[in-house]
Structures are given as structure tokens and as C-alpha cells.
């Protein structure tokens, strides 16, 4: 009987620790989401990507539905 009580306590502690870990992970995720939403007024850009865009070699528009204007169909 004592062993069953001990096993039950160990399982209860493990479930509690797992729930605590879940709450901690959710809290960190929510805090990051709120912080990013609050900083929405400042644009977040990748510095490497920003440097590439300054070169002038950017694609103006790409769509899978519309082919580029200079693309000639091969029929």
C-alpha cells in the first residue's frame, strides 16, 4: 500500500512539473509576441537583406498566377 502512495506522489509531482514547464513556455511565447506587437511601429528588417535591397537588383513583382510581361509563351 505504501508503494502505491509513493508512486502516486511521484506521478503527481511529474505531472505538476510538466504543467509548470508548459506554463513557462507559453508565458515566454506570449511575452515575445506582445513585445513584437508593441514594437510594430519600427520596421524589423534583416540587415543582410536590407543591404541586398540597396543594390537595386530587386524583383519588382512576382506572382504565380500572372507570368512576367516579357515572358513569351511557347506554343
PDB file of N, CA and C in Angstrom:
ATOM      1  N   UNK A   1       0.822  -1.191   0.000  1.00  0.00           N
ATOM      2  CA  UNK A   1       0.000   0.000   0.000  1.00  0.00           C
ATOM      3  C   UNK A   1       0.869   1.260   0.000  1.00  0.00           C
ATOM      4  N   UNK A   2       1.964   1.232   0.756  1.00  0.00           N
ATOM      5  CA  UNK A   2       2.866   2.383   0.825  1.00  0.00           C
ATOM      6  C   UNK A   2       3.522   2.652  -0.527  1.00  0.00           C
ATOM      7  N   UNK A   3       3.796   1.588  -1.268  1.00  0.00           N
ATOM      8  CA  UNK A   3       4.432   1.763  -2.564  1.00  0.00           C
ATOM      9  C   UNK A   3       3.494   2.458  -3.547  1.00  0.00           C
ATOM     10  N   UNK A   4       2.220   2.127  -3.505  1.00  0.00           N
ATOM     11  CA  UNK A   4       1.247   2.756  -4.407  1.00  0.00           C
ATOM     12  C   UNK A   4       1.116   4.243  -4.114  1.00  0.00           C
ATOM     13  N   UNK A   5       1.130   4.600  -2.848  1.00  0.00           N
ATOM     14  CA  UNK A   5       1.043   6.009  -2.466  1.00  0.00           C
ATOM     15  C   UNK A   5       2.289   6.748  -2.943  1.00  0.00           C
ATOM     16  N   UNK A   6       3.445   6.125  -2.795  1.00  0.00           N
ATOM     17  CA  UNK A   6       4.697   6.746  -3.236  1.00  0.00           C
ATOM     18  C   UNK A   6       4.709   6.922  -4.754  1.00  0.00           C
ATOM     19  N   UNK A   7       4.259   5.904  -5.471  1.00  0.00           N
ATOM     20  CA  UNK A   7       4.194   6.003  -6.939  1.00  0.00           C
ATOM     21  C   UNK A   7       3.216   7.089  -7.359  1.00  0.00           C
ATOM     22  N   UNK A   8       2.084   7.167  -6.670  1.00  0.00           N
ATOM     23  CA  UNK A   8       1.098   8.195  -6.990  1.00  0.00           C
ATOM     24  C   UNK A   8       1.680   9.593  -6.761  1.00  0.00           C
ATOM     25  N   UNK A   9       2.423   9.783  -5.674  1.00  0.00           N
ATOM     26  CA  UNK A   9       3.053  11.090  -5.405  1.00  0.00           C
ATOM     27  C   UNK A   9       4.092  11.434  -6.461  1.00  0.00           C
ATOM     28  N   UNK A  10       4.876  10.457  -6.862  1.00  0.00           N
ATOM     29  CA  UNK A  10       5.890  10.698  -7.895  1.00  0.00           C
ATOM     30  C   UNK A  10       5.218  11.086  -9.207  1.00  0.00           C
ATOM     31  N   UNK A  11       4.168  10.384  -9.568  1.00  0.00           N
ATOM     32  CA  UNK A  11       3.446  10.725 -10.796  1.00  0.00           C
ATOM     33  C   UNK A  11       2.808  12.105 -10.702  1.00  0.00           C
ATOM     34  N   UNK A  12       2.265  12.427  -9.540  1.00  0.00           N
ATOM     35  CA  UNK A  12       1.658  13.742  -9.346  1.00  0.00           C
ATOM     36  C   UNK A  12       2.704  14.851  -9.462  1.00  0.00           C
ATOM     37  N   UNK A  13       3.866  14.621  -8.899  1.00  0.00           N
ATOM     38  CA  UNK A  13       4.946  15.617  -8.986  1.00  0.00           C
ATOM     39  C   UNK A  13       5.411  15.771 -10.434  1.00  0.00           C
ATOM     40  N   UNK A  14       5.551  14.663 -11.151  1.00  0.00           N
ATOM     41  CA  UNK A  14       5.972  14.731 -12.550  1.00  0.00           C
ATOM     42  C   UNK A  14       4.951  15.472 -13.413  1.00  0.00           C
ATOM     43  N   UNK A  15       3.676  15.197 -13.206  1.00  0.00           N
ATOM     44  CA  UNK A  15       2.630  15.897 -13.958  1.00  0.00           C
ATOM     45  C   UNK A  15       2.651  17.385 -13.615  1.00  0.00           C
ATOM     46  N   UNK A  16       2.844  17.704 -12.360  1.00  0.00           N
ATOM     47  CA  UNK A  16       2.929  19.109 -11.962  1.00  0.00           C
ATOM     48  C   UNK A  16       4.116  19.814 -12.593  1.00  0.00           C
ATOM     49  N   UNK A  17       5.259  19.139 -12.646  1.00  0.00           N
ATOM     50  CA  UNK A  17       6.433  19.733 -13.288  1.00  0.00           C
ATOM     51  C   UNK A  17       6.216  19.934 -14.787  1.00  0.00           C
ATOM     52  N   UNK A  18       5.585  18.975 -15.428  1.00  0.00           N
ATOM     53  CA  UNK A  18       5.293  19.123 -16.855  1.00  0.00           C
ATOM     54  C   UNK A  18       4.321  20.273 -17.112  1.00  0.00           C
ATOM     55  N   UNK A  19       3.314  20.401 -16.258  1.00  0.00           N
ATOM     56  CA  UNK A  19       2.386  21.523 -16.407  1.00  0.00           C
ATOM     57  C   UNK A  19       3.087  22.856 -16.153  1.00  0.00           C
ATOM     58  N   UNK A  20       3.980  22.890 -15.186  1.00  0.00           N
ATOM     59  CA  UNK A  20       4.747  24.100 -14.929  1.00  0.00           C
ATOM     60  C   UNK A  20       5.629  24.471 -16.108  1.00  0.00           C
ATOM     61  N   UNK A  21       6.250  23.479 -16.730  1.00  0.00           N
ATOM     62  CA  UNK A  21       7.065  23.731 -17.913  1.00  0.00           C
ATOM     63  C   UNK A  21       6.207  24.256 -19.061  1.00  0.00           C
ATOM     64  N   UNK A  22       5.030  23.685 -19.226  1.00  0.00           N
ATOM     65  CA  UNK A  22       4.120  24.153 -20.268  1.00  0.00           C
ATOM     66  C   UNK A  22       3.716  25.601 -20.034  1.00  0.00           C
ATOM     67  N   UNK A  23       3.388  25.952 -18.817  1.00  0.00           N
ATOM     68  CA  UNK A  23       3.017  27.331 -18.489  1.00  0.00           C
ATOM     69  C   UNK A  23       4.191  28.267 -18.737  1.00  0.00           C
ATOM     70  N   UNK A  24       5.395  27.857 -18.380  1.00  0.00           N
ATOM     71  CA  UNK A  24       6.577  28.702 -18.584  1.00  0.00           C
ATOM     72  C   UNK A  24       6.834  28.937 -20.072  1.00  0.00           C
ATOM     73  N   UNK A  25       6.732  27.896 -20.874  1.00  0.00           N
ATOM     74  CA  UNK A  25       6.951  28.037 -22.316  1.00  0.00           C
ATOM     75  C   UNK A  25       5.886  28.937 -22.930  1.00  0.00           C
ATOM     76  N   UNK A  26       4.642  28.760 -22.525  1.00  0.00           N
ATOM     77  CA  UNK A  26       3.574  29.625 -23.035  1.00  0.00           C
ATOM     78  C   UNK A  26       3.785  31.072 -22.618  1.00  0.00           C
ATOM     79  N   UNK A  27       4.232  31.306 -21.400  1.00  0.00           N
ATOM     80  CA  UNK A  27       4.474  32.671 -20.931  1.00  0.00           C
ATOM     81  C   UNK A  27       5.579  33.335 -21.734  1.00  0.00           C
ATOM     82  N   UNK A  28       6.640  32.600 -22.025  1.00  0.00           N
ATOM     83  CA  UNK A  28       7.727  33.166 -22.829  1.00  0.00           C
ATOM     84  C   UNK A  28       7.236  33.481 -24.235  1.00  0.00           C
ATOM     85  N   UNK A  29       6.451  32.594 -24.826  1.00  0.00           N
ATOM     86  CA  UNK A  29       5.919  32.832 -26.169  1.00  0.00           C
ATOM     87  C   UNK A  29       4.995  34.031 -26.220  1.00  0.00           C
ATOM     88  N   UNK A  30       4.136  34.156 -25.229  1.00  0.00           N
ATOM     89  CA  UNK A  30       3.208  35.288 -25.190  1.00  0.00           C
ATOM     90  C   UNK A  30       3.964  36.588 -24.988  1.00  0.00           C
ATOM     91  N   UNK A  31       4.971  36.582 -24.116  1.00  0.00           N
ATOM     92  CA  UNK A  31       5.726  37.812 -23.876  1.00  0.00           C
ATOM     93  C   UNK A  31       6.484  38.241 -25.129  1.00  0.00           C
ATOM     94  N   UNK A  32       7.039  37.298 -25.878  1.00  0.00           N
ATOM     95  CA  UNK A  32       7.715  37.649 -27.132  1.00  0.00           C
ATOM     96  C   UNK A  32       6.720  38.196 -28.144  1.00  0.00           C
ATOM     97  N   UNK A  33       5.547  37.591 -28.218  1.00  0.00           N
ATOM     98  CA  UNK A  33       4.522  38.059 -29.151  1.00  0.00           C
ATOM     99  C   UNK A  33       4.081  39.477 -28.804  1.00  0.00           C
ATOM    100  N   UNK A  34       3.855  39.734 -27.532  1.00  0.00           N
ATOM    101  CA  UNK A  34       3.416  41.064 -27.108  1.00  0.00           C
ATOM    102  C   UNK A  34       4.510  42.086 -27.359  1.00  0.00           C
ATOM    103  N   UNK A  35       5.763  41.713 -27.098  1.00  0.00           N
ATOM    104  CA  UNK A  35       6.874  42.643 -27.317  1.00  0.00           C
ATOM    105  C   UNK A  35       7.008  42.973 -28.798  1.00  0.00           C
ATOM    106  N   UNK A  36       6.852  41.993 -29.668  1.00  0.00           N
ATOM    107  CA  UNK A  36       6.941  42.261 -31.104  1.00  0.00           C
ATOM    108  C   UNK A  36       5.772  43.104 -31.578  1.00  0.00           C
ATOM    109  N   UNK A  37       4.585  42.851 -31.031  1.00  0.00           N
ATOM    110  CA  UNK A  37       3.416  43.638 -31.427  1.00  0.00           C
ATOM    111  C   UNK A  37       3.562  45.079 -30.953  1.00  0.00           C
ATOM    112  N   UNK A  38       4.161  45.294 -29.792  1.00  0.00           N
ATOM    113  CA  UNK A  38       4.350  46.636 -29.257  1.00  0.00           C
ATOM    114  C   UNK A  38       5.376  47.402 -30.082  1.00  0.00           C
ATOM    115  N   UNK A  39       6.398  46.727 -30.592  1.00  0.00           N
ATOM    116  CA  UNK A  39       7.433  47.365 -31.388  1.00  0.00           C
ATOM    117  C   UNK A  39       7.055  47.413 -32.870  1.00  0.00           C
ATOM    118  N   UNK A  40       5.794  47.307 -33.183  1.00  0.00           N
ATOM    119  CA  UNK A  40       5.342  47.279 -34.572  1.00  0.00           C
ATOM    120  C   UNK A  40       5.546  48.586 -35.303  1.00  0.00           C
ATOM    121  N   UNK A  41       5.728  49.697 -34.566  1.00  0.00           N
ATOM    122  CA  UNK A  41       5.909  50.976 -35.237  1.00  0.00           C
ATOM    123  C   UNK A  41       7.276  51.065 -35.911  1.00  0.00           C
ATOM    124  N   UNK A  42       8.259  50.338 -35.395  1.00  0.00           N
ATOM    125  CA  UNK A  42       9.577  50.351 -36.014  1.00  0.00           C
ATOM    126  C   UNK A  42       9.706  49.133 -36.918  1.00  0.00           C
ATOM    127  N   UNK A  43      10.130  49.320 -38.147  1.00  0.00           N
ATOM    128  CA  UNK A  43      10.226  48.173 -39.058  1.00  0.00           C
ATOM    129  C   UNK A  43      11.361  47.247 -38.651  1.00  0.00           C
ATOM    130  N   UNK A  44      11.078  45.960 -38.681  1.00  0.00           N
ATOM    131  CA  UNK A  44      12.093  44.958 -38.387  1.00  0.00           C
ATOM    132  C   UNK A  44      12.601  44.431 -39.722  1.00  0.00           C
ATOM    133  N   UNK A  45      13.872  44.663 -39.990  1.00  0.00           N
ATOM    134  CA  UNK A  45      14.438  44.201 -41.239  1.00  0.00           C
ATOM    135  C   UNK A  45      15.735  43.473 -40.966  1.00  0.00           C
ATOM    136  N   UNK A  46      15.972  42.500 -41.767  1.00  0.00           N
ATOM    137  CA  UNK A  46      17.214  41.762 -41.681  1.00  0.00           C
ATOM    138  C   UNK A  46      18.320  42.632 -42.282  1.00  0.00           C
ATOM    139  N   UNK A  47      19.413  42.899 -41.553  1.00  0.00           N
ATOM    140  CA  UNK A  47      20.457  43.784 -42.095  1.00  0.00           C
ATOM    141  C   UNK A  47      21.047  43.268 -43.398  1.00  0.00           C
ATOM    142  N   UNK A  48      21.220  41.962 -43.527  1.00  0.00           N
ATOM    143  CA  UNK A  48      21.765  41.415 -44.759  1.00  0.00           C
ATOM    144  C   UNK A  48      20.797  41.645 -45.913  1.00  0.00           C
ATOM    145  N   UNK A  49      19.530  41.426 -45.665  1.00  0.00           N
ATOM    146  CA  UNK A  49      18.539  41.634 -46.709  1.00  0.00           C
ATOM    147  C   UNK A  49      18.441  43.111 -47.054  1.00  0.00           C
ATOM    148  N   UNK A  50      18.544  43.962 -46.063  1.00  0.00           N
ATOM    149  CA  UNK A  50      18.495  45.401 -46.292  1.00  0.00           C
ATOM    150  C   UNK A  50      19.653  45.826 -47.191  1.00  0.00           C
ATOM    151  N   UNK A  51      20.828  45.267 -46.994  1.00  0.00           N
ATOM    152  CA  UNK A  51      21.981  45.603 -47.821  1.00  0.00           C
ATOM    153  C   UNK A  51      21.760  45.121 -49.253  1.00  0.00           C
ATOM    154  N   UNK A  52      21.116  43.974 -49.432  1.00  0.00           N
ATOM    155  CA  UNK A  52      20.850  43.474 -50.774  1.00  0.00           C
ATOM    156  C   UNK A  52      19.851  44.357 -51.512  1.00  0.00           C
ATOM    157  N   UNK A  53      18.878  44.889 -50.800  1.00  0.00           N
ATOM    158  CA  UNK A  53      17.866  45.717 -51.452  1.00  0.00           C
ATOM    159  C   UNK A  53      18.428  47.051 -51.906  1.00  0.00           C
ATOM    160  N   UNK A  54      19.464  47.526 -51.277  1.00  0.00           N
ATOM    161  CA  UNK A  54      20.056  48.791 -51.671  1.00  0.00           C
ATOM    162  C   UNK A  54      20.839  48.692 -52.968  1.00  0.00           C
ATOM    163  N   UNK A  55      21.142  47.499 -53.429  1.00  0.00           N
ATOM    164  CA  UNK A  55      21.913  47.328 -54.654  1.00  0.00           C
ATOM    165  C   UNK A  55      21.099  47.652 -55.900  1.00  0.00           C
ATOM    166  N   UNK A  56      19.785  47.635 -55.805  1.00  0.00           N
ATOM    167  CA  UNK A  56      18.944  47.937 -56.954  1.00  0.00           C
ATOM    168  C   UNK A  56      18.619  46.716 -57.790  1.00  0.00           C
ATOM    169  N   UNK A  57      19.054  45.544 -57.393  1.00  0.00           N
ATOM    170  CA  UNK A  57      18.775  44.323 -58.140  1.00  0.00           C
ATOM    171  C   UNK A  57      17.564  43.609 -57.554  1.00  0.00           C
ATOM    172  N   UNK A  58      16.507  44.319 -57.353  1.00  0.00           N
ATOM    173  CA  UNK A  58      15.341  43.700 -56.718  1.00  0.00           C
ATOM    174  C   UNK A  58      14.295  43.354 -57.766  1.00  0.00           C
ATOM    175  N   UNK A  59      13.524  42.346 -57.469  1.00  0.00           N
ATOM    176  CA  UNK A  59      12.433  41.937 -58.343  1.00  0.00           C
ATOM    177  C   UNK A  59      11.237  42.810 -58.010  1.00  0.00           C
ATOM    178  N   UNK A  60      10.657  43.421 -59.024  1.00  0.00           N
ATOM    179  CA  UNK A  60       9.578  44.359 -58.746  1.00  0.00           C
ATOM    180  C   UNK A  60       8.305  43.640 -58.317  1.00  0.00           C
ATOM    181  N   UNK A  61       7.955  42.536 -58.982  1.00  0.00           N
ATOM    182  CA  UNK A  61       6.723  41.839 -58.634  1.00  0.00           C
ATOM    183  C   UNK A  61       6.832  40.408 -59.125  1.00  0.00           C
ATOM    184  N   UNK A  62       6.340  39.503 -58.330  1.00  0.00           N
ATOM    185  CA  UNK A  62       6.319  38.107 -58.739  1.00  0.00           C
ATOM    186  C   UNK A  62       5.002  37.501 -58.313  1.00  0.00           C
ATOM    187  N   UNK A  63       4.357  36.827 -59.217  1.00  0.00           N
ATOM    188  CA  UNK A  63       3.105  36.165 -58.911  1.00  0.00           C
ATOM    189  C   UNK A  63       3.055  34.863 -59.677  1.00  0.00           C
ATOM    190  N   UNK A  64       2.560  33.837 -59.057  1.00  0.00           N
ATOM    191  CA  UNK A  64       2.433  32.557 -59.750  1.00  0.00           C
ATOM    192  C   UNK A  64       1.264  32.579 -60.736  1.00  0.00           C
ATOM    193  N   UNK A  65       0.310  33.437 -60.522  1.00  0.00           N
ATOM    194  CA  UNK A  65      -0.866  33.482 -61.397  1.00  0.00           C
ATOM    195  C   UNK A  65      -0.603  34.261 -62.676  1.00  0.00           C
ATOM    196  N   UNK A  66       0.219  35.281 -62.595  1.00  0.00           N
ATOM    197  CA  UNK A  66       0.477  36.104 -63.749  1.00  0.00           C
ATOM    198  C   UNK A  66       1.921  35.931 -64.203  1.00  0.00           C
ATOM    199  N   UNK A  67       2.141  35.537 -65.459  1.00  0.00           N
ATOM    200  CA  UNK A  67       3.520  35.434 -65.927  1.00  0.00           C
ATOM    201  C   UNK A  67       4.125  36.820 -66.110  1.00  0.00           C
ATOM    202  N   UNK A  68       5.446  36.940 -66.068  1.00  0.00           N
ATOM    203  CA  UNK A  68       6.065  38.235 -66.327  1.00  0.00           C
ATOM    204  C   UNK A  68       5.720  38.757 -67.714  1.00  0.00           C
ATOM    205  N   UNK A  69       5.720  40.057 -67.886  1.00  0.00           N
ATOM    206  CA  UNK A  69       5.287  40.649 -69.147  1.00  0.00           C
ATOM    207  C   UNK A  69       6.210  40.287 -70.297  1.00  0.00           C
ATOM    208  N   UNK A  70       7.501  40.136 -70.046  1.00  0.00           N
ATOM    209  CA  UNK A  70       8.438  39.833 -71.131  1.00  0.00           C
ATOM    210  C   UNK A  70       8.528  38.343 -71.419  1.00  0.00           C
ATOM    211  N   UNK A  71       7.758  37.527 -70.735  1.00  0.00           N
ATOM    212  CA  UNK A  71       7.781  36.089 -70.947  1.00  0.00           C
ATOM    213  C   UNK A  71       6.883  35.741 -72.120  1.00  0.00           C
ATOM    214  N   UNK A  72       7.457  35.138 -73.139  1.00  0.00           N
ATOM    215  CA  UNK A  72       6.659  34.761 -74.300  1.00  0.00           C
ATOM    216  C   UNK A  72       6.262  33.301 -74.177  1.00  0.00           C
ATOM    217  N   UNK A  73       4.988  32.980 -74.365  1.00  0.00           N
ATOM    218  CA  UNK A  73       4.557  31.592 -74.255  1.00  0.00           C
ATOM    219  C   UNK A  73       5.104  30.759 -75.426  1.00  0.00           C
ATOM    220  N   UNK A  74       5.474  29.545 -75.141  1.00  0.00           N
ATOM    221  CA  UNK A  74       5.965  28.650 -76.194  1.00  0.00           C
ATOM    222  C   UNK A  74       4.843  27.704 -76.551  1.00  0.00           C
ATOM    223  N   UNK A  75       4.258  27.909 -77.744  1.00  0.00           N
ATOM    224  CA  UNK A  75       3.126  27.073 -78.148  1.00  0.00           C
ATOM    225  C   UNK A  75       3.410  26.358 -79.422  1.00  0.00           C
TER     226      UNK A  75
END
